[in-house]
Structure formats: C-alpha cells, structure tokens
Protein backbone atom coordinates (compact mmCIF):
# COMPACT_ATOMS: atom_id res chain seq x y z
CA MET A 1 89.74 83.33 48.52
CA ASP A 2 88.17 82.86 45.12
CA LYS A 3 90.09 83.03 41.85
CA MET A 4 89.20 86.67 41.07
CA CYS A 5 90.33 87.88 44.49
CA ALA A 6 93.58 85.93 44.19
CA LEU A 7 94.20 87.47 40.77
CA TYR A 8 93.49 90.96 42.11
CA VAL A 9 95.87 90.49 45.04
CA SER A 10 98.53 89.16 42.68
CA ASN A 11 98.16 92.19 40.38
CA CYS A 12 98.36 94.58 43.35
CA LYS A 13 101.54 92.89 44.55
CA GLN A 14 103.08 93.19 41.08
CA GLU A 15 102.23 96.90 40.91
CA GLN A 16 103.64 97.43 44.40
CA ASP A 17 106.87 95.65 43.43
CA LYS A 18 107.15 97.75 40.27
CA TYR A 19 106.62 100.99 42.22
CA LEU A 20 109.25 100.04 44.81
CA ARG A 21 111.81 99.18 42.14
CA MET A 22 111.14 102.33 40.09
CA PHE A 23 110.90 104.97 42.80
CA VAL A 24 112.04 103.80 46.22
CA MET A 25 115.11 101.67 45.49
CA PRO A 26 116.89 104.26 43.29
CA HIS A 27 116.35 106.86 46.02
CA LEU A 28 117.93 104.59 48.63
CA GLU A 29 120.88 103.86 46.34
CA GLN A 30 121.41 107.60 45.77
CA THR A 31 121.25 108.21 49.51
CA ASP A 32 123.99 105.61 50.00
CA VAL A 33 126.15 107.28 47.34
CA ASN A 34 125.65 110.72 48.86
CA MET A 35 126.43 109.52 52.37
CA THR A 36 129.62 107.80 51.21
CA LYS A 37 130.65 110.61 48.87
CA HIS A 38 130.42 113.30 51.53
CA GLY A 39 131.64 111.09 54.35
CA VAL A 40 128.47 111.90 56.28
CA GLN A 41 126.78 108.99 57.97
CA SER A 42 124.55 110.59 60.50
CA GLU A 43 122.79 108.13 62.75
CA ARG A 44 119.37 109.37 61.66
CA LYS A 45 120.00 108.93 57.93
CA LEU A 46 121.54 105.54 58.47
CA LYS A 47 118.55 104.40 60.56
CA THR A 48 116.14 105.72 57.92
CA VAL A 49 117.86 103.80 55.14
CA GLN A 50 117.95 100.65 57.24
CA LEU A 51 114.25 100.99 58.06
CA MET A 52 113.31 101.54 54.41
CA ARG A 53 115.31 98.50 53.34
CA TRP A 54 113.64 96.40 56.02
CA LEU A 55 110.18 97.58 54.95
CA ILE A 56 110.91 96.89 51.29
CA SER A 57 112.21 93.43 52.05
CA ARG A 58 108.96 92.70 53.91
CA LEU A 59 106.81 94.07 51.09
CA LEU A 60 108.63 92.14 48.36
CA ARG A 61 108.03 88.78 50.02
C-alpha cells in the first residue's frame, strides 16, 4: 500500500472511531441505564447490547 492509501485508510479509521464515540457509545450507555433503572433485562436487549459492544471493540482495533 502506498503512502497516500495508508493515509486515507488512517483518516477513515479516525472518522469511524469518532462516529462510534459520538453516536453509538452514548446510546449503549443509555440503554444500560434504562435497563437497570426499570429492572428490565430482556434477553433480546441484552444480546443486542453485547453484540454492539463486540462489533465496536472489533472496529476500534
């Protein structure tokens, strides 16, 4: 990969990280608060949150 491609990929990764931190992570944190606050931990919501966290951890590597 030449230098320009490497720079482009690096910039894309930075933008992706910024998007995840600004929009996705706060939503997951709010979901956790709501689930705890209302005492509702449905299996589906819990699995969704776990899946999103797993995906984010993979994307932020």
